[in-house]
Amino acid sequence: MAELQRFNMDKNMKKLTKEELNQRASNKAFSKIFHLEEDLKQAKKDVRTGGDGRFSTELLEVCRDSTDRELQTWNYIAQLIELDNTEGTTNVKALKDLISLNTYNEE
Protein backbone atom coordinates (compact mmCIF):
# COMPACT_ATOMS: atom_id res chain seq x y z
CA MET A 1 0.00 0.00 0.00
CA ALA A 2 2.81 2.44 0.89
CA GLU A 3 4.56 1.76 -2.40
CA LEU A 4 1.37 2.45 -4.33
CA GLN A 5 1.00 5.80 -2.52
CA ARG A 6 4.63 6.66 -3.30
CA PHE A 7 4.08 5.74 -6.96
CA ASN A 8 1.02 7.99 -7.13
CA MET A 9 2.95 10.85 -5.48
CA ASP A 10 5.81 10.47 -7.98
CA LYS A 11 3.35 10.30 -10.84
CA ASN A 12 1.64 13.53 -9.72
CA MET A 13 4.85 15.53 -9.21
CA LYS A 14 5.06 18.56 -11.46
CA LYS A 15 7.88 18.46 -13.97
CA LEU A 16 9.88 21.61 -14.49
CA THR A 17 9.58 23.37 -17.80
CA LYS A 18 12.68 23.82 -19.95
CA GLU A 19 12.74 27.51 -19.00
CA GLU A 20 12.55 26.68 -15.29
CA LEU A 21 15.28 24.06 -15.62
CA ASN A 22 17.46 26.45 -17.58
CA GLN A 23 17.01 29.21 -15.01
CA ARG A 24 17.76 26.85 -12.11
CA ALA A 25 20.84 25.51 -13.89
CA SER A 26 22.00 29.04 -14.65
CA ASN A 27 21.52 30.08 -11.02
CA LYS A 28 23.47 27.07 -9.77
CA ALA A 29 26.32 27.70 -12.22
CA PHE A 30 26.34 31.41 -11.30
CA SER A 31 26.61 30.57 -7.62
CA LYS A 32 29.29 27.92 -8.10
CA ILE A 33 31.44 30.16 -10.31
CA PHE A 34 31.16 33.07 -7.90
CA HIS A 35 32.31 30.93 -4.96
CA LEU A 36 35.10 29.33 -6.99
CA GLU A 37 36.35 32.81 -7.96
CA GLU A 38 36.51 33.68 -4.26
CA ASP A 39 38.25 30.38 -3.46
CA LEU A 40 40.77 30.95 -6.26
CA LYS A 41 41.59 34.44 -4.98
CA GLN A 42 42.21 33.01 -1.52
CA ALA A 43 44.27 30.12 -2.90
CA LYS A 44 46.47 32.53 -4.88
CA LYS A 45 46.92 34.67 -1.77
CA ASP A 46 47.82 31.58 0.28
CA VAL A 47 50.47 30.57 -2.26
CA ARG A 48 51.97 34.08 -2.15
CA THR A 49 51.92 34.37 1.64
CA GLY A 50 52.45 30.75 2.62
CA GLY A 51 48.96 30.50 4.10
CA ASP A 52 48.78 30.02 7.85
CA GLY A 53 51.80 27.73 7.88
CA ARG A 54 49.94 24.45 8.33
CA PHE A 55 50.39 23.33 4.73
CA SER A 56 53.40 23.17 2.43
CA THR A 57 53.74 25.53 -0.51
CA GLU A 58 53.47 22.54 -2.83
CA LEU A 59 50.12 21.54 -1.35
CA LEU A 60 48.87 25.12 -1.58
CA GLU A 61 49.87 25.19 -5.25
CA VAL A 62 48.01 21.93 -5.88
CA CYS A 63 44.89 23.42 -4.24
CA ARG A 64 45.21 26.59 -6.34
CA ASP A 65 45.60 24.63 -9.56
CA SER A 66 42.72 22.33 -8.68
CA THR A 67 40.45 25.29 -7.95
CA ASP A 68 41.46 26.88 -11.24
CA ARG A 69 40.61 23.70 -13.18
CA GLU A 70 37.27 23.47 -11.36
CA LEU A 71 36.53 27.08 -12.29
CA GLN A 72 37.37 26.40 -15.94
CA THR A 73 35.00 23.43 -15.90
CA TRP A 74 32.14 25.44 -14.39
CA ASN A 75 32.70 28.27 -16.86
CA TYR A 76 32.35 25.70 -19.65
CA ILE A 77 29.16 24.32 -18.08
CA ALA A 78 27.82 27.87 -17.80
CA GLN A 79 28.55 28.47 -21.49
CA LEU A 80 26.63 25.32 -22.39
CA ILE A 81 23.70 26.47 -20.28
CA GLU A 82 23.85 29.88 -21.95
CA LEU A 83 23.80 28.28 -25.39
CA ASP A 84 20.79 26.19 -24.38
CA ASN A 85 18.94 29.21 -23.03
CA THR A 86 16.39 30.08 -25.68
CA GLU A 87 15.03 33.10 -23.84
CA GLY A 88 18.37 34.89 -23.82
CA THR A 89 18.06 35.78 -20.13
CA THR A 90 20.96 34.36 -18.22
CA ASN A 91 23.07 35.07 -15.18
CA VAL A 92 26.27 33.98 -16.93
CA LYS A 93 26.94 37.35 -18.56
CA ALA A 94 26.11 39.14 -15.31
CA LEU A 95 28.50 36.84 -13.47
CA LYS A 96 31.32 37.49 -15.92
CA ASP A 97 30.73 41.24 -15.60
CA LEU A 98 30.76 40.93 -11.81
CA ILE A 99 33.97 38.92 -11.87
CA SER A 100 35.58 41.50 -14.17
CA LEU A 101 34.52 44.27 -11.82
CA ASN A 102 35.80 42.33 -8.82
CA THR A 103 39.15 41.71 -10.52
CA TYR A 104 39.43 45.36 -11.56
CA ASN A 105 38.74 46.57 -8.00
CA GLU A 106 41.43 44.32 -6.54
CA GLU A 107 44.19 45.65 -8.79
PDB file of N, CA and C in Angstrom:
ATOM      1  N   MET A   1       0.822  -1.201   0.000  1.00  0.00           N
ATOM      2  CA  MET A   1       0.000   0.000   0.000  1.00  0.00           C
ATOM      3  C   MET A   1       0.864   1.261   0.000  1.00  0.00           C
ATOM      4  N   ALA A   2       1.939   1.266   0.811  1.00  0.00           N
ATOM      5  CA  ALA A   2       2.808   2.436   0.890  1.00  0.00           C
ATOM      6  C   ALA A   2       3.502   2.681  -0.442  1.00  0.00           C
ATOM      7  N   GLU A   3       3.889   1.598  -1.115  1.00  0.00           N
ATOM      8  CA  GLU A   3       4.563   1.758  -2.405  1.00  0.00           C
ATOM      9  C   GLU A   3       3.607   2.318  -3.457  1.00  0.00           C
ATOM     10  N   LEU A   4       2.355   1.932  -3.392  1.00  0.00           N
ATOM     11  CA  LEU A   4       1.368   2.453  -4.327  1.00  0.00           C
ATOM     12  C   LEU A   4       1.168   3.950  -4.096  1.00  0.00           C
ATOM     13  N   GLN A   5       1.140   4.373  -2.828  1.00  0.00           N
ATOM     14  CA  GLN A   5       1.000   5.800  -2.523  1.00  0.00           C
ATOM     15  C   GLN A   5       2.222   6.567  -3.029  1.00  0.00           C
ATOM     16  N   ARG A   6       3.411   6.000  -2.827  1.00  0.00           N
ATOM     17  CA  ARG A   6       4.634   6.659  -3.296  1.00  0.00           C
ATOM     18  C   ARG A   6       4.614   6.769  -4.816  1.00  0.00           C
ATOM     19  N   PHE A   7       4.165   5.714  -5.497  1.00  0.00           N
ATOM     20  CA  PHE A   7       4.084   5.737  -6.960  1.00  0.00           C
ATOM     21  C   PHE A   7       3.132   6.835  -7.415  1.00  0.00           C
ATOM     22  N   ASN A   8       1.988   6.954  -6.769  1.00  0.00           N
ATOM     23  CA  ASN A   8       1.020   7.990  -7.133  1.00  0.00           C
ATOM     24  C   ASN A   8       1.580   9.382  -6.866  1.00  0.00           C
ATOM     25  N   MET A   9       2.339   9.553  -5.772  1.00  0.00           N
ATOM     26  CA  MET A   9       2.951  10.848  -5.482  1.00  0.00           C
ATOM     27  C   MET A   9       3.967  11.192  -6.562  1.00  0.00           C
ATOM     28  N   ASP A  10       4.815  10.230  -6.936  1.00  0.00           N
ATOM     29  CA  ASP A  10       5.811  10.473  -7.975  1.00  0.00           C
ATOM     30  C   ASP A  10       5.136  10.807  -9.304  1.00  0.00           C
ATOM     31  N   LYS A  11       4.065  10.107  -9.586  1.00  0.00           N
ATOM     32  CA  LYS A  11       3.345  10.300 -10.836  1.00  0.00           C
ATOM     33  C   LYS A  11       2.728  11.698 -10.897  1.00  0.00           C
ATOM     34  N   ASN A  12       2.308  12.236  -9.757  1.00  0.00           N
ATOM     35  CA  ASN A  12       1.637  13.533  -9.717  1.00  0.00           C
ATOM     36  C   ASN A  12       2.597  14.711  -9.553  1.00  0.00           C
ATOM     37  N   MET A  13       3.896  14.443  -9.392  1.00  0.00           N
ATOM     38  CA  MET A  13       4.848  15.533  -9.214  1.00  0.00           C
ATOM     39  C   MET A  13       4.942  16.354 -10.489  1.00  0.00           C
ATOM     40  N   LYS A  14       4.969  17.652 -10.309  1.00  0.00           N
ATOM     41  CA  LYS A  14       5.055  18.561 -11.458  1.00  0.00           C
ATOM     42  C   LYS A  14       6.468  18.549 -12.023  1.00  0.00           C
ATOM     43  N   LYS A  15       6.575  18.397 -13.312  1.00  0.00           N
ATOM     44  CA  LYS A  15       7.882  18.456 -13.970  1.00  0.00           C
ATOM     45  C   LYS A  15       8.179  19.907 -14.287  1.00  0.00           C
ATOM     46  N   LEU A  16       9.458  20.251 -14.174  1.00  0.00           N
ATOM     47  CA  LEU A  16       9.879  21.614 -14.486  1.00  0.00           C
ATOM     48  C   LEU A  16       9.859  21.825 -15.993  1.00  0.00           C
ATOM     49  N   THR A  17       9.514  23.042 -16.386  1.00  0.00           N
ATOM     50  CA  THR A  17       9.579  23.374 -17.803  1.00  0.00           C
ATOM     51  C   THR A  17      11.047  23.562 -18.183  1.00  0.00           C
ATOM     52  N   LYS A  18      11.312  23.593 -19.485  1.00  0.00           N
ATOM     53  CA  LYS A  18      12.681  23.817 -19.952  1.00  0.00           C
ATOM     54  C   LYS A  18      13.193  25.163 -19.460  1.00  0.00           C
ATOM     55  N   GLU A  19      12.343  26.173 -19.476  1.00  0.00           N
ATOM     56  CA  GLU A  19      12.735  27.510 -19.004  1.00  0.00           C
ATOM     57  C   GLU A  19      13.088  27.477 -17.515  1.00  0.00           C
ATOM     58  N   GLU A  20      12.266  26.788 -16.728  1.00  0.00           N
ATOM     59  CA  GLU A  20      12.547  26.679 -15.293  1.00  0.00           C
ATOM     60  C   GLU A  20      13.848  25.924 -15.042  1.00  0.00           C
ATOM     61  N   LEU A  21      14.036  24.830 -15.755  1.00  0.00           N
ATOM     62  CA  LEU A  21      15.277  24.056 -15.617  1.00  0.00           C
ATOM     63  C   LEU A  21      16.488  24.895 -16.010  1.00  0.00           C
ATOM     64  N   ASN A  22      16.355  25.629 -17.110  1.00  0.00           N
ATOM     65  CA  ASN A  22      17.458  26.448 -17.578  1.00  0.00           C
ATOM     66  C   ASN A  22      17.789  27.533 -16.561  1.00  0.00           C
ATOM     67  N   GLN A  23      16.769  28.161 -15.998  1.00  0.00           N
ATOM     68  CA  GLN A  23      17.007  29.213 -15.006  1.00  0.00           C
ATOM     69  C   GLN A  23      17.647  28.635 -13.749  1.00  0.00           C
ATOM     70  N   ARG A  24      17.182  27.488 -13.296  1.00  0.00           N
ATOM     71  CA  ARG A  24      17.760  26.853 -12.112  1.00  0.00           C
ATOM     72  C   ARG A  24      19.208  26.455 -12.363  1.00  0.00           C
ATOM     73  N   ALA A  25      19.471  25.899 -13.549  1.00  0.00           N
ATOM     74  CA  ALA A  25      20.839  25.509 -13.886  1.00  0.00           C
ATOM     75  C   ALA A  25      21.739  26.735 -13.961  1.00  0.00           C
ATOM     76  N   SER A  26      21.239  27.796 -14.550  1.00  0.00           N
ATOM     77  CA  SER A  26      22.001  29.040 -14.650  1.00  0.00           C
ATOM     78  C   SER A  26      22.301  29.590 -13.261  1.00  0.00           C
ATOM     79  N   ASN A  27      21.312  29.584 -12.388  1.00  0.00           N
ATOM     80  CA  ASN A  27      21.518  30.078 -11.021  1.00  0.00           C
ATOM     81  C   ASN A  27      22.562  29.248 -10.277  1.00  0.00           C
ATOM     82  N   LYS A  28      22.505  27.942 -10.441  1.00  0.00           N
ATOM     83  CA  LYS A  28      23.474  27.072  -9.770  1.00  0.00           C
ATOM     84  C   LYS A  28      24.882  27.310 -10.305  1.00  0.00           C
ATOM     85  N   ALA A  29      25.007  27.435 -11.629  1.00  0.00           N
ATOM     86  CA  ALA A  29      26.317  27.698 -12.221  1.00  0.00           C
ATOM     87  C   ALA A  29      26.838  29.059 -11.758  1.00  0.00           C
ATOM     88  N   PHE A  30      25.975  30.062 -11.749  1.00  0.00           N
ATOM     89  CA  PHE A  30      26.339  31.405 -11.297  1.00  0.00           C
ATOM     90  C   PHE A  30      26.894  31.356  -9.880  1.00  0.00           C
ATOM     91  N   SER A  31      26.184  30.680  -9.016  1.00  0.00           N
ATOM     92  CA  SER A  31      26.608  30.570  -7.620  1.00  0.00           C
ATOM     93  C   SER A  31      27.940  29.838  -7.493  1.00  0.00           C
ATOM     94  N   LYS A  32      28.063  28.727  -8.186  1.00  0.00           N
ATOM     95  CA  LYS A  32      29.288  27.923  -8.105  1.00  0.00           C
ATOM     96  C   LYS A  32      30.492  28.711  -8.617  1.00  0.00           C
ATOM     97  N   ILE A  33      30.338  29.390  -9.739  1.00  0.00           N
ATOM     98  CA  ILE A  33      31.439  30.160 -10.307  1.00  0.00           C
ATOM     99  C   ILE A  33      31.836  31.293  -9.376  1.00  0.00           C
ATOM    100  N   PHE A  34      30.860  31.972  -8.815  1.00  0.00           N
ATOM    101  CA  PHE A  34      31.156  33.073  -7.897  1.00  0.00           C
ATOM    102  C   PHE A  34      31.989  32.577  -6.714  1.00  0.00           C
ATOM    103  N   HIS A  35      31.582  31.457  -6.119  1.00  0.00           N
ATOM    104  CA  HIS A  35      32.311  30.930  -4.965  1.00  0.00           C
ATOM    105  C   HIS A  35      33.694  30.394  -5.358  1.00  0.00           C
ATOM    106  N   LEU A  36      33.793  29.796  -6.529  1.00  0.00           N
ATOM    107  CA  LEU A  36      35.102  29.328  -6.988  1.00  0.00           C
ATOM    108  C   LEU A  36      36.046  30.500  -7.253  1.00  0.00           C
ATOM    109  N   GLU A  37      35.519  31.608  -7.767  1.00  0.00           N
ATOM    110  CA  GLU A  37      36.349  32.806  -7.960  1.00  0.00           C
ATOM    111  C   GLU A  37      36.913  33.275  -6.616  1.00  0.00           C
ATOM    112  N   GLU A  38      36.059  33.276  -5.597  1.00  0.00           N
ATOM    113  CA  GLU A  38      36.510  33.680  -4.256  1.00  0.00           C
ATOM    114  C   GLU A  38      37.551  32.690  -3.725  1.00  0.00           C
ATOM    115  N   ASP A  39      37.301  31.401  -3.913  1.00  0.00           N
ATOM    116  CA  ASP A  39      38.252  30.379  -3.463  1.00  0.00           C
ATOM    117  C   ASP A  39      39.591  30.518  -4.180  1.00  0.00           C
ATOM    118  N   LEU A  40      39.545  30.815  -5.487  1.00  0.00           N
ATOM    119  CA  LEU A  40      40.774  30.951  -6.256  1.00  0.00           C
ATOM    120  C   LEU A  40      41.582  32.164  -5.795  1.00  0.00           C
ATOM    121  N   LYS A  41      40.890  33.259  -5.511  1.00  0.00           N
ATOM    122  CA  LYS A  41      41.594  34.443  -4.984  1.00  0.00           C
ATOM    123  C   LYS A  41      42.306  34.104  -3.680  1.00  0.00           C
ATOM    124  N   GLN A  42      41.615  33.386  -2.804  1.00  0.00           N
ATOM    125  CA  GLN A  42      42.210  33.011  -1.517  1.00  0.00           C
ATOM    126  C   GLN A  42      43.368  32.044  -1.718  1.00  0.00           C
ATOM    127  N   ALA A  43      43.202  31.092  -2.642  1.00  0.00           N
ATOM    128  CA  ALA A  43      44.271  30.124  -2.901  1.00  0.00           C
ATOM    129  C   ALA A  43      45.514  30.816  -3.454  1.00  0.00           C
ATOM    130  N   LYS A  44      45.329  31.787  -4.341  1.00  0.00           N
ATOM    131  CA  LYS A  44      46.466  32.534  -4.878  1.00  0.00           C
ATOM    132  C   LYS A  44      47.157  33.324  -3.776  1.00  0.00           C
ATOM    133  N   LYS A  45      46.359  33.917  -2.902  1.00  0.00           N
ATOM    134  CA  LYS A  45      46.921  34.668  -1.773  1.00  0.00           C
ATOM    135  C   LYS A  45      47.697  33.736  -0.850  1.00  0.00           C
ATOM    136  N   ASP A  46      47.153  32.558  -0.591  1.00  0.00           N
ATOM    137  CA  ASP A  46      47.821  31.584   0.280  1.00  0.00           C
ATOM    138  C   ASP A  46      49.160  31.142  -0.309  1.00  0.00           C
ATOM    139  N   VAL A  47      49.213  30.963  -1.622  1.00  0.00           N
ATOM    140  CA  VAL A  47      50.471  30.567  -2.259  1.00  0.00           C
ATOM    141  C   VAL A  47      51.501  31.693  -2.095  1.00  0.00           C
ATOM    142  N   ARG A  48      51.055  32.936  -2.290  1.00  0.00           N
ATOM    143  CA  ARG A  48      51.973  34.076  -2.152  1.00  0.00           C
ATOM    144  C   ARG A  48      52.477  34.247  -0.726  1.00  0.00           C
ATOM    145  N   THR A  49      51.566  34.087   0.247  1.00  0.00           N
ATOM    146  CA  THR A  49      51.917  34.373   1.644  1.00  0.00           C
ATOM    147  C   THR A  49      52.340  33.148   2.441  1.00  0.00           C
ATOM    148  N   GLY A  50      52.131  31.964   1.880  1.00  0.00           N
ATOM    149  CA  GLY A  50      52.446  30.746   2.616  1.00  0.00           C
ATOM    150  C   GLY A  50      51.295  30.274   3.489  1.00  0.00           C
ATOM    151  N   GLY A  51      50.138  30.897   3.325  1.00  0.00           N
ATOM    152  CA  GLY A  51      48.961  30.500   4.101  1.00  0.00           C
ATOM    153  C   GLY A  51      49.159  30.744   5.579  1.00  0.00           C
ATOM    154  N   ASP A  52      48.616  29.879   6.400  1.00  0.00           N
ATOM    155  CA  ASP A  52      48.777  30.022   7.851  1.00  0.00           C
ATOM    156  C   ASP A  52      49.899  29.137   8.388  1.00  0.00           C
ATOM    157  N   GLY A  53      50.644  28.520   7.470  1.00  0.00           N
ATOM    158  CA  GLY A  53      51.797  27.725   7.876  1.00  0.00           C
ATOM    159  C   GLY A  53      51.526  26.255   8.112  1.00  0.00           C
ATOM    160  N   ARG A  54      50.268  25.857   8.069  1.00  0.00           N
ATOM    161  CA  ARG A  54      49.940  24.455   8.333  1.00  0.00           C
ATOM    162  C   ARG A  54      50.239  23.554   7.146  1.00  0.00           C
ATOM    163  N   PHE A  55      50.230  24.137   5.926  1.00  0.00           N
ATOM    164  CA  PHE A  55      50.390  23.329   4.728  1.00  0.00           C
ATOM    165  C   PHE A  55      51.612  23.790   3.940  1.00  0.00           C
ATOM    166  N   SER A  56      52.223  22.846   3.242  1.00  0.00           N
ATOM    167  CA  SER A  56      53.403  23.174   2.433  1.00  0.00           C
ATOM    168  C   SER A  56      52.996  24.019   1.235  1.00  0.00           C
ATOM    169  N   THR A  57      53.976  24.728   0.692  1.00  0.00           N
ATOM    170  CA  THR A  57      53.738  25.534  -0.505  1.00  0.00           C
ATOM    171  C   THR A  57      53.281  24.651  -1.654  1.00  0.00           C
ATOM    172  N   GLU A  58      53.855  23.457  -1.753  1.00  0.00           N
ATOM    173  CA  GLU A  58      53.474  22.543  -2.834  1.00  0.00           C
ATOM    174  C   GLU A  58      51.993  22.167  -2.740  1.00  0.00           C
ATOM    175  N   LEU A  59      51.526  21.896  -1.534  1.00  0.00           N
ATOM    176  CA  LEU A  59      50.119  21.537  -1.354  1.00  0.00           C
ATOM    177  C   LEU A  59      49.224  22.742  -1.666  1.00  0.00           C
ATOM    178  N   LEU A  60      49.647  23.918  -1.268  1.00  0.00           N
ATOM    179  CA  LEU A  60      48.867  25.122  -1.578  1.00  0.00           C
ATOM    180  C   LEU A  60      48.782  25.343  -3.084  1.00  0.00           C
ATOM    181  N   GLU A  61      49.871  25.060  -3.797  1.00  0.00           N
ATOM    182  CA  GLU A  61      49.865  25.194  -5.253  1.00  0.00           C
ATOM    183  C   GLU A  61      48.938  24.173  -5.900  1.00  0.00           C
ATOM    184  N   VAL A  62      48.917  22.957  -5.369  1.00  0.00           N
ATOM    185  CA  VAL A  62      48.006  21.926  -5.878  1.00  0.00           C
ATOM    186  C   VAL A  62      46.560  22.374  -5.683  1.00  0.00           C
ATOM    187  N   CYS A  63      46.253  22.931  -4.522  1.00  0.00           N
ATOM    188  CA  CYS A  63      44.894  23.422  -4.241  1.00  0.00           C
ATOM    189  C   CYS A  63      44.521  24.561  -5.192  1.00  0.00           C
ATOM    190  N   ARG A  64      45.455  25.483  -5.412  1.00  0.00           N
ATOM    191  CA  ARG A  64      45.215  26.595  -6.336  1.00  0.00           C
ATOM    192  C   ARG A  64      44.928  26.078  -7.740  1.00  0.00           C
ATOM    193  N   ASP A  65      45.768  25.159  -8.207  1.00  0.00           N
ATOM    194  CA  ASP A  65      45.605  24.625  -9.557  1.00  0.00           C
ATOM    195  C   ASP A  65      44.300  23.843  -9.697  1.00  0.00           C
ATOM    196  N   SER A  66      43.955  23.099  -8.666  1.00  0.00           N
ATOM    197  CA  SER A  66      42.718  22.330  -8.677  1.00  0.00           C
ATOM    198  C   SER A  66      41.501  23.263  -8.733  1.00  0.00           C
ATOM    199  N   THR A  67      41.544  24.324  -7.952  1.00  0.00           N
ATOM    200  CA  THR A  67      40.448  25.288  -7.950  1.00  0.00           C
ATOM    201  C   THR A  67      40.336  25.962  -9.315  1.00  0.00           C
ATOM    202  N   ASP A  68      41.472  26.274  -9.929  1.00  0.00           N
ATOM    203  CA  ASP A  68      41.464  26.885 -11.242  1.00  0.00           C
ATOM    204  C   ASP A  68      40.846  25.946 -12.278  1.00  0.00           C
ATOM    205  N   ARG A  69      41.195  24.676 -12.242  1.00  0.00           N
ATOM    206  CA  ARG A  69      40.606  23.703 -13.177  1.00  0.00           C
ATOM    207  C   ARG A  69      39.100  23.571 -12.945  1.00  0.00           C
ATOM    208  N   GLU A  70      38.699  23.555 -11.690  1.00  0.00           N
ATOM    209  CA  GLU A  70      37.273  23.467 -11.357  1.00  0.00           C
ATOM    210  C   GLU A  70      36.527  24.688 -11.900  1.00  0.00           C
ATOM    211  N   LEU A  71      37.134  25.850 -11.767  1.00  0.00           N
ATOM    212  CA  LEU A  71      36.530  27.080 -12.286  1.00  0.00           C
ATOM    213  C   LEU A  71      36.414  27.027 -13.804  1.00  0.00           C
ATOM    214  N   GLN A  72      37.435  26.539 -14.480  1.00  0.00           N
ATOM    215  CA  GLN A  72      37.372  26.399 -15.941  1.00  0.00           C
ATOM    216  C   GLN A  72      36.224  25.471 -16.345  1.00  0.00           C
ATOM    217  N   THR A  73      36.067  24.388 -15.605  1.00  0.00           N
ATOM    218  CA  THR A  73      34.997  23.428 -15.901  1.00  0.00           C
ATOM    219  C   THR A  73      33.632  24.077 -15.734  1.00  0.00           C
ATOM    220  N   TRP A  74      33.436  24.801 -14.639  1.00  0.00           N
ATOM    221  CA  TRP A  74      32.144  25.438 -14.394  1.00  0.00           C
ATOM    222  C   TRP A  74      31.872  26.570 -15.375  1.00  0.00           C
ATOM    223  N   ASN A  75      32.899  27.258 -15.820  1.00  0.00           N
ATOM    224  CA  ASN A  75      32.702  28.270 -16.863  1.00  0.00           C
ATOM    225  C   ASN A  75      32.220  27.615 -18.151  1.00  0.00           C
ATOM    226  N   TYR A  76      32.778  26.447 -18.464  1.00  0.00           N
ATOM    227  CA  TYR A  76      32.346  25.703 -19.655  1.00  0.00           C
ATOM    228  C   TYR A  76      30.889  25.254 -19.501  1.00  0.00           C
ATOM    229  N   ILE A  77      30.554  24.738 -18.340  1.00  0.00           N
ATOM    230  CA  ILE A  77      29.162  24.321 -18.084  1.00  0.00           C
ATOM    231  C   ILE A  77      28.229  25.520 -18.227  1.00  0.00           C
ATOM    232  N   ALA A  78      28.637  26.665 -17.697  1.00  0.00           N
ATOM    233  CA  ALA A  78      27.816  27.874 -17.797  1.00  0.00           C
ATOM    234  C   ALA A  78      27.627  28.286 -19.251  1.00  0.00           C
ATOM    235  N   GLN A  79      28.671  28.146 -20.063  1.00  0.00           N
ATOM    236  CA  GLN A  79      28.549  28.470 -21.486  1.00  0.00           C
ATOM    237  C   GLN A  79      27.556  27.544 -22.171  1.00  0.00           C
ATOM    238  N   LEU A  80      27.592  26.263 -21.806  1.00  0.00           N
ATOM    239  CA  LEU A  80      26.631  25.320 -22.386  1.00  0.00           C
ATOM    240  C   LEU A  80      25.208  25.676 -21.989  1.00  0.00           C
ATOM    241  N   ILE A  81      25.036  26.068 -20.751  1.00  0.00           N
ATOM    242  CA  ILE A  81      23.703  26.474 -20.283  1.00  0.00           C
ATOM    243  C   ILE A  81      23.253  27.711 -21.047  1.00  0.00           C
ATOM    244  N   GLU A  82      24.178  28.650 -21.225  1.00  0.00           N
ATOM    245  CA  GLU A  82      23.853  29.882 -21.945  1.00  0.00           C
ATOM    246  C   GLU A  82      23.443  29.574 -23.382  1.00  0.00           C
ATOM    247  N   LEU A  83      24.144  28.655 -24.021  1.00  0.00           N
ATOM    248  CA  LEU A  83      23.799  28.276 -25.393  1.00  0.00           C
ATOM    249  C   LEU A  83      22.426  27.615 -25.460  1.00  0.00           C
ATOM    250  N   ASP A  84      22.065  26.900 -24.411  1.00  0.00           N
ATOM    251  CA  ASP A  84      20.787  26.194 -24.379  1.00  0.00           C
ATOM    252  C   ASP A  84      19.633  27.116 -24.005  1.00  0.00           C
ATOM    253  N   ASN A  85      19.964  28.280 -23.497  1.00  0.00           N
ATOM    254  CA  ASN A  85      18.941  29.210 -23.031  1.00  0.00           C
ATOM    255  C   ASN A  85      18.294  29.897 -24.224  1.00  0.00           C
ATOM    256  N   THR A  86      17.072  29.529 -24.516  1.00  0.00           N
ATOM    257  CA  THR A  86      16.393  30.078 -25.683  1.00  0.00           C
ATOM    258  C   THR A  86      15.804  31.452 -25.418  1.00  0.00           C
ATOM    259  N   GLU A  87      15.607  31.805 -24.177  1.00  0.00           N
ATOM    260  CA  GLU A  87      15.027  33.102 -23.844  1.00  0.00           C
ATOM    261  C   GLU A  87      16.054  34.231 -23.898  1.00  0.00           C
ATOM    262  N   GLY A  88      17.332  33.871 -23.786  1.00  0.00           N
ATOM    263  CA  GLY A  88      18.372  34.890 -23.821  1.00  0.00           C
ATOM    264  C   GLY A  88      18.595  35.569 -22.484  1.00  0.00           C
ATOM    265  N   THR A  89      17.839  35.203 -21.456  1.00  0.00           N
ATOM    266  CA  THR A  89      18.058  35.781 -20.135  1.00  0.00           C
ATOM    267  C   THR A  89      18.898  34.806 -19.337  1.00  0.00           C
ATOM    268  N   THR A  90      20.064  35.252 -18.930  1.00  0.00           N
ATOM    269  CA  THR A  90      20.957  34.356 -18.220  1.00  0.00           C
ATOM    270  C   THR A  90      21.782  35.138 -17.215  1.00  0.00           C
ATOM    271  N   ASN A  91      22.217  34.453 -16.197  1.00  0.00           N
ATOM    272  CA  ASN A  91      23.070  35.067 -15.184  1.00  0.00           C
ATOM    273  C   ASN A  91      24.543  34.977 -15.562  1.00  0.00           C
ATOM    274  N   VAL A  92      24.867  34.217 -16.592  1.00  0.00           N
ATOM    275  CA  VAL A  92      26.266  33.977 -16.927  1.00  0.00           C
ATOM    276  C   VAL A  92      26.955  35.274 -17.317  1.00  0.00           C
ATOM    277  N   LYS A  93      26.325  36.090 -18.168  1.00  0.00           N
ATOM    278  CA  LYS A  93      26.936  37.354 -18.564  1.00  0.00           C
ATOM    279  C   LYS A  93      27.070  38.264 -17.351  1.00  0.00           C
ATOM    280  N   ALA A  94      26.048  38.310 -16.517  1.00  0.00           N
ATOM    281  CA  ALA A  94      26.115  39.139 -15.314  1.00  0.00           C
ATOM    282  C   ALA A  94      27.244  38.681 -14.404  1.00  0.00           C
ATOM    283  N   LEU A  95      27.418  37.384 -14.290  1.00  0.00           N
ATOM    284  CA  LEU A  95      28.496  36.843 -13.469  1.00  0.00           C
ATOM    285  C   LEU A  95      29.851  37.260 -14.019  1.00  0.00           C
ATOM    286  N   LYS A  96      30.031  37.119 -15.316  1.00  0.00           N
ATOM    287  CA  LYS A  96      31.316  37.489 -15.916  1.00  0.00           C
ATOM    288  C   LYS A  96      31.591  38.971 -15.716  1.00  0.00           C
ATOM    289  N   ASP A  97      30.553  39.813 -15.850  1.00  0.00           N
ATOM    290  CA  ASP A  97      30.728  41.244 -15.604  1.00  0.00           C
ATOM    291  C   ASP A  97      31.104  41.495 -14.149  1.00  0.00           C
ATOM    292  N   LEU A  98      30.457  40.782 -13.235  1.00  0.00           N
ATOM    293  CA  LEU A  98      30.755  40.928 -11.811  1.00  0.00           C
ATOM    294  C   LEU A  98      32.181  40.500 -11.508  1.00  0.00           C
ATOM    295  N   ILE A  99      32.613  39.411 -12.090  1.00  0.00           N
ATOM    296  CA  ILE A  99      33.974  38.919 -11.875  1.00  0.00           C
ATOM    297  C   ILE A  99      34.978  39.928 -12.424  1.00  0.00           C
ATOM    298  N   SER A 100      34.691  40.493 -13.595  1.00  0.00           N
ATOM    299  CA  SER A 100      35.583  41.496 -14.171  1.00  0.00           C
ATOM    300  C   SER A 100      35.655  42.719 -13.268  1.00  0.00           C
ATOM    301  N   LEU A 101      34.544  43.148 -12.741  1.00  0.00           N
ATOM    302  CA  LEU A 101      34.520  44.269 -11.816  1.00  0.00           C
ATOM    303  C   LEU A 101      35.309  43.965 -10.563  1.00  0.00           C
ATOM    304  N   ASN A 102      35.122  42.765 -10.035  1.00  0.00           N
ATOM    305  CA  ASN A 102      35.803  42.333  -8.823  1.00  0.00           C
ATOM    306  C   ASN A 102      37.321  42.307  -9.043  1.00  0.00           C
ATOM    307  N   THR A 103      37.741  41.778 -10.186  1.00  0.00           N
ATOM    308  CA  THR A 103      39.151  41.706 -10.515  1.00  0.00           C
ATOM    309  C   THR A 103      39.732  43.103 -10.683  1.00  0.00           C
ATOM    310  N   TYR A 104      38.987  43.991 -11.342  1.00  0.00           N
ATOM    311  CA  TYR A 104      39.432  45.358 -11.562  1.00  0.00           C
ATOM    312  C   TYR A 104      39.619  46.094 -10.226  1.00  0.00           C
ATOM    313  N   ASN A 105      38.675  45.893  -9.300  1.00  0.00           N
ATOM    314  CA  ASN A 105      38.743  46.566  -8.000  1.00  0.00           C
ATOM    315  C   ASN A 105      39.889  46.087  -7.138  1.00  0.00           C
ATOM    316  N   GLU A 106      40.348  44.862  -7.347  1.00  0.00           N
ATOM    317  CA  GLU A 106      41.426  44.318  -6.541  1.00  0.00           C
ATOM    318  C   GLU A 106      42.805  44.819  -6.995  1.00  0.00           C
ATOM    319  N   GLU A 107      42.889  45.233  -8.244  1.00  0.00           N
ATOM    320  CA  GLU A 107      44.190  45.648  -8.793  1.00  0.00           C
ATOM    321  C   GLU A 107      44.571  47.018  -8.375  1.00  0.00           C
TER     322      GLU A 107
END
